[in-house]
């Protein structure tokens, strides 16, 4: 796929993978638009990349998606690439008492419902373009879960499945449907995890990971699994119980301090 002279919308583009996508894609000669919930972070991102455009929006809110669509398409009618990157990751212990039932689904609303709604809203516009793409950012944990983050992993497995189905449904259109499944990447998303939780994992630099993703898109590699994500995918098929046991070690430490 040609990755120059496009108009690209990136959700969750103020930090981490989204921000790095914005930086590298803008340097390739694309018009880049980023969204996010935090206005201050968006403005900070624009200070670093003056040529990008920012819109405060929340992918977990259907009304906000509709408002975003109207604003973006009016100003950028040539929009032809959507990158669904916004996401959050939390450690959740289901043994803990007093959990807010509504809060438990926050990751579902952002990580899974958000991309599905974004695709549905922007799809008619993307179908009108001669060349277009949708990029869903899942995770290596879509293939093998990290049990201490059960809801996050479920959303990424769901997004992986949704992307496969979407690709089949759009096979007779001009839209290419990519999935990027990052490994553990050096971004703020990992900020809530302790060093012990990351033992045995190679943390990939975000610049390197995004560069691999862009190269894959250029080569029409529809499922991109950089670094250890490819290993997780392979092991989930070759030895699923073994790799699940390895990924379960962090929660085993957590459960030692849990009143069961």
Protein backbone atom coordinates (compact mmCIF):
# COMPACT_ATOMS: atom_id res chain seq x y z
CA UNK A 1 0.00 0.00 0.00
CA UNK A 2 1.16 3.50 -0.78
CA UNK A 3 1.84 5.34 2.51
CA UNK A 4 2.33 8.87 1.24
CA UNK A 5 -0.18 11.60 0.37
CA UNK A 6 -2.93 9.96 2.41
CA UNK A 7 -5.23 11.53 4.97
CA UNK A 8 -5.06 9.46 8.13
CA UNK A 9 -7.12 9.47 11.34
CA UNK A 10 -5.53 7.88 14.41
CA UNK A 11 -7.51 7.31 17.60
CA UNK A 12 -5.54 7.49 20.84
CA UNK A 13 -2.86 9.41 18.99
CA UNK A 14 -1.57 11.68 21.74
CA UNK A 15 0.82 9.18 23.33
CA UNK A 16 2.46 5.81 22.84
CA UNK A 17 1.93 3.82 19.66
CA UNK A 18 -0.61 6.29 18.27
CA UNK A 19 1.74 9.22 18.70
CA UNK A 20 4.62 7.34 17.07
CA UNK A 21 2.36 6.43 14.16
CA UNK A 22 1.48 10.11 13.81
CA UNK A 23 5.13 11.14 13.84
CA UNK A 24 6.36 8.60 11.31
CA UNK A 25 3.36 8.87 8.97
CA UNK A 26 3.54 12.68 8.94
CA UNK A 27 7.20 12.47 7.97
CA UNK A 28 6.20 10.29 5.01
CA UNK A 29 4.09 13.12 3.62
CA UNK A 30 0.63 12.30 4.93
CA UNK A 31 -2.01 14.53 6.48
CA UNK A 32 -2.41 13.16 10.01
CA UNK A 33 -5.31 13.70 12.39
CA UNK A 34 -5.21 12.39 15.96
CA UNK A 35 -7.91 12.04 18.58
CA UNK A 36 -7.89 11.42 22.30
CA UNK A 37 -9.82 12.10 25.49
CA UNK A 38 -7.20 14.31 27.15
CA UNK A 39 -7.01 17.79 25.64
CA UNK A 40 -3.72 18.63 27.36
CA UNK A 41 -2.03 15.52 25.94
CA UNK A 42 -3.36 16.33 22.47
CA UNK A 43 -1.96 19.84 22.65
CA UNK A 44 1.38 18.49 23.88
CA UNK A 45 1.46 16.12 20.90
CA UNK A 46 0.77 18.99 18.50
CA UNK A 47 3.59 21.01 20.04
CA UNK A 48 5.90 18.14 19.14
CA UNK A 49 4.40 17.57 15.67
CA UNK A 50 3.08 21.00 14.58
CA UNK A 51 1.65 19.80 11.27
CA UNK A 52 -0.82 17.30 12.75
CA UNK A 53 -4.47 18.10 13.51
CA UNK A 54 -6.07 17.29 16.86
CA UNK A 55 -9.65 16.55 17.94
CA UNK A 56 -10.74 15.78 21.47
CA UNK A 57 -13.02 12.74 21.31
CA UNK A 58 -13.85 9.53 23.17
CA UNK A 59 -14.24 6.27 21.22
CA UNK A 60 -16.28 4.75 24.05
CA UNK A 61 -19.02 7.31 23.40
CA UNK A 62 -21.22 6.73 20.34
CA UNK A 63 -22.39 10.33 20.20
CA UNK A 64 -18.79 11.57 20.33
CA UNK A 65 -17.93 9.32 17.37
CA UNK A 66 -20.77 10.80 15.32
CA UNK A 67 -19.66 14.35 16.17
CA UNK A 68 -16.05 13.47 15.31
CA UNK A 69 -17.11 12.01 11.97
CA UNK A 70 -19.05 15.14 10.98
CA UNK A 71 -16.18 17.46 11.93
CA UNK A 72 -13.40 15.41 10.32
CA UNK A 73 -15.15 14.61 7.05
CA UNK A 74 -16.22 18.22 6.61
CA UNK A 75 -12.64 19.48 6.95
CA UNK A 76 -10.85 16.45 5.49
CA UNK A 77 -13.03 14.92 2.75
CA UNK A 78 -10.01 13.01 1.42
CA UNK A 79 -9.70 10.91 4.58
CA UNK A 80 -8.84 7.39 3.44
CA UNK A 81 -7.08 5.62 6.32
CA UNK A 82 -8.48 4.90 9.80
CA UNK A 83 -6.16 3.59 12.51
CA UNK A 84 -8.08 2.28 15.53
CA UNK A 85 -5.39 2.54 18.18
CA UNK A 86 -7.09 3.89 21.33
CA UNK A 87 -6.94 1.46 24.22
CA UNK A 88 -6.40 0.97 27.93
CA UNK A 89 -4.95 -1.96 29.88
CA UNK A 90 -5.58 -2.72 33.53
CA UNK A 91 -4.76 -5.39 36.08
CA UNK A 92 -8.02 -6.81 37.45
CA UNK A 93 -8.31 -9.35 40.28
CA UNK A 94 -11.79 -10.87 40.27
CA UNK A 95 -11.32 -12.01 43.87
CA UNK A 96 -11.42 -8.40 45.07
CA UNK A 97 -14.67 -7.42 46.74
CA UNK A 98 -16.73 -4.35 45.95
CA UNK A 99 -15.83 -4.14 42.26
CA UNK A 100 -17.87 -1.63 40.27
CA UNK A 101 -19.71 -3.70 37.68
CA UNK A 102 -19.90 -0.78 35.27
CA UNK A 103 -16.17 -0.08 35.60
CA UNK A 104 -15.32 -3.69 34.72
CA UNK A 105 -16.45 -3.11 31.14
CA UNK A 106 -14.47 0.10 30.56
CA UNK A 107 -11.85 -1.74 28.51
CA UNK A 108 -14.57 -3.36 26.40
CA UNK A 109 -16.13 0.02 25.64
CA UNK A 110 -12.81 1.56 24.58
CA UNK A 111 -10.80 -1.35 23.15
CA UNK A 112 -13.50 -3.33 21.35
CA UNK A 113 -16.78 -1.43 21.06
CA UNK A 114 -14.86 1.72 20.11
CA UNK A 115 -13.16 0.32 17.00
CA UNK A 116 -16.33 -1.49 15.91
CA UNK A 117 -18.34 1.74 16.12
CA UNK A 118 -15.60 3.75 14.41
CA UNK A 119 -15.52 1.28 11.52
CA UNK A 120 -19.28 1.32 11.16
CA UNK A 121 -19.43 5.13 11.15
CA UNK A 122 -16.51 5.75 8.77
CA UNK A 123 -17.01 2.76 6.45
CA UNK A 124 -19.38 4.40 3.91
CA UNK A 125 -16.91 7.26 3.48
CA UNK A 126 -13.91 4.94 3.14
CA UNK A 127 -15.75 2.85 0.56
CA UNK A 128 -16.03 5.96 -1.63
CA UNK A 129 -12.24 6.21 -1.95
CA UNK A 130 -10.18 4.55 -4.67
CA UNK A 131 -7.62 3.45 -2.09
CA UNK A 132 -8.39 3.10 1.61
CA UNK A 133 -7.38 1.15 4.70
CA UNK A 134 -8.52 0.28 8.19
CA UNK A 135 -5.85 -0.62 10.75
CA UNK A 136 -7.00 -2.26 13.98
CA UNK A 137 -4.37 -2.32 16.71
CA UNK A 138 -4.88 -5.49 18.73
CA UNK A 139 -2.07 -7.13 20.73
CA UNK A 140 0.12 -10.19 20.94
CA UNK A 141 -2.13 -10.97 23.91
CA UNK A 142 -4.96 -11.56 21.45
CA UNK A 143 -3.36 -14.98 20.86
CA UNK A 144 -2.38 -15.91 24.42
CA UNK A 145 -3.84 -14.04 27.41
CA UNK A 146 -2.00 -12.49 30.33
CA UNK A 147 -4.42 -13.61 33.08
CA UNK A 148 -3.77 -10.62 35.34
CA UNK A 149 -5.38 -8.43 32.65
CA UNK A 150 -8.34 -10.65 31.71
CA UNK A 151 -10.67 -8.02 30.27
CA UNK A 152 -7.97 -6.32 28.22
CA UNK A 153 -6.90 -9.65 26.69
CA UNK A 154 -10.51 -10.57 25.95
CA UNK A 155 -11.01 -7.28 24.09
CA UNK A 156 -7.91 -7.83 21.97
CA UNK A 157 -8.91 -11.41 21.14
CA UNK A 158 -12.30 -10.03 20.16
CA UNK A 159 -10.73 -7.32 18.02
CA UNK A 160 -8.57 -9.94 16.29
CA UNK A 161 -11.67 -11.97 15.46
CA UNK A 162 -13.62 -8.90 14.35
CA UNK A 163 -10.78 -7.84 12.05
CA UNK A 164 -10.69 -11.24 10.37
CA UNK A 165 -14.44 -11.11 9.72
CA UNK A 166 -14.28 -7.50 8.54
CA UNK A 167 -11.52 -8.36 6.09
CA UNK A 168 -13.71 -11.05 4.53
CA UNK A 169 -16.75 -8.76 4.37
CA UNK A 170 -14.73 -6.04 2.64
CA UNK A 171 -12.84 -8.30 0.22
CA UNK A 172 -14.75 -6.90 -2.78
CA UNK A 173 -14.02 -3.27 -1.90
CA UNK A 174 -10.94 -1.04 -2.26
CA UNK A 175 -10.41 -1.10 1.52
CA UNK A 176 -7.46 -3.06 2.91
CA UNK A 177 -8.00 -4.31 6.46
CA UNK A 178 -4.81 -4.57 8.51
CA UNK A 179 -4.28 -5.89 12.01
CA UNK A 180 -1.27 -4.79 14.03
CA UNK A 181 -0.65 -7.00 17.05
CA UNK A 182 2.10 -5.26 19.06
CA UNK A 183 4.24 -7.13 21.58
CA UNK A 184 5.07 -5.56 24.96
CA UNK A 185 6.09 -2.09 23.82
CA UNK A 186 7.78 0.74 25.69
CA UNK A 187 4.75 3.03 26.07
CA UNK A 188 2.72 4.54 28.95
CA UNK A 189 0.37 1.53 28.66
CA UNK A 190 2.91 -0.54 30.60
CA UNK A 191 3.25 2.09 33.31
CA UNK A 192 0.95 0.31 35.76
CA UNK A 193 2.86 -2.98 35.61
CA UNK A 194 5.68 -3.90 37.96
CA UNK A 195 9.09 -5.03 36.79
CA UNK A 196 8.39 -8.54 38.12
CA UNK A 197 5.37 -8.77 35.82
CA UNK A 198 7.58 -8.15 32.78
CA UNK A 199 10.13 -10.88 33.53
CA UNK A 200 10.75 -13.02 30.46
CA UNK A 201 9.32 -10.41 28.10
CA UNK A 202 11.37 -8.36 25.69
CA UNK A 203 10.12 -4.78 25.68
CA UNK A 204 10.21 -3.44 22.11
CA UNK A 205 11.01 0.20 21.46
CA UNK A 206 7.94 2.00 20.17
CA UNK A 207 9.88 3.60 17.30
CA UNK A 208 11.06 0.20 16.08
CA UNK A 209 7.63 -1.40 16.48
CA UNK A 210 5.84 1.29 14.47
CA UNK A 211 8.53 1.19 11.77
CA UNK A 212 7.91 -2.56 11.41
CA UNK A 213 4.16 -1.89 11.23
CA UNK A 214 4.53 0.72 8.49
CA UNK A 215 6.83 -1.54 6.50
CA UNK A 216 4.25 -4.31 6.78
CA UNK A 217 1.48 -2.01 5.56
CA UNK A 218 3.60 -0.93 2.61
CA UNK A 219 4.07 -4.59 1.72
CA UNK A 220 0.34 -5.35 2.11
CA UNK A 221 1.02 -7.67 5.06
CA UNK A 222 -2.51 -7.77 6.45
CA UNK A 223 -1.61 -9.32 9.84
CA UNK A 224 1.49 -7.73 11.35
CA UNK A 225 3.00 -9.37 14.44
CA UNK A 226 6.27 -7.64 15.40
CA UNK A 227 8.80 -9.10 17.82
CA UNK A 228 7.49 -11.49 20.46
CA UNK A 229 3.92 -11.24 19.17
CA UNK A 230 4.85 -13.63 16.40
CA UNK A 231 6.23 -16.04 19.01
CA UNK A 232 3.05 -15.81 21.09
CA UNK A 233 0.93 -16.56 18.04
CA UNK A 234 3.11 -19.56 17.15
CA UNK A 235 3.22 -20.93 20.70
CA UNK A 236 -0.54 -20.52 21.14
CA UNK A 237 -0.93 -23.08 18.36
CA UNK A 238 2.03 -25.34 19.11
CA UNK A 239 1.82 -25.55 22.93
CA UNK A 240 -1.16 -23.53 24.21
CA UNK A 241 -1.14 -24.82 27.79
CA UNK A 242 2.61 -24.32 28.16
CA UNK A 243 2.55 -20.70 26.99
CA UNK A 244 -0.54 -19.96 29.13
CA UNK A 245 1.36 -21.31 32.13
CA UNK A 246 4.29 -19.01 31.37
CA UNK A 247 1.97 -16.02 31.00
CA UNK A 248 0.24 -16.92 34.28
CA UNK A 249 3.31 -16.44 36.49
CA UNK A 250 2.59 -12.77 37.31
CA UNK A 251 -0.92 -13.55 38.55
CA UNK A 252 0.38 -16.50 40.56
CA UNK A 253 2.39 -13.96 42.57
CA UNK A 254 -0.69 -11.76 42.88
CA UNK A 255 -2.89 -14.62 44.15
CA UNK A 256 -0.45 -15.39 46.99
CA UNK A 257 -1.57 -12.13 48.62
CA UNK A 258 -5.27 -12.64 47.85
CA UNK A 259 -7.83 -13.82 50.38
CA UNK A 260 -9.56 -16.61 48.44
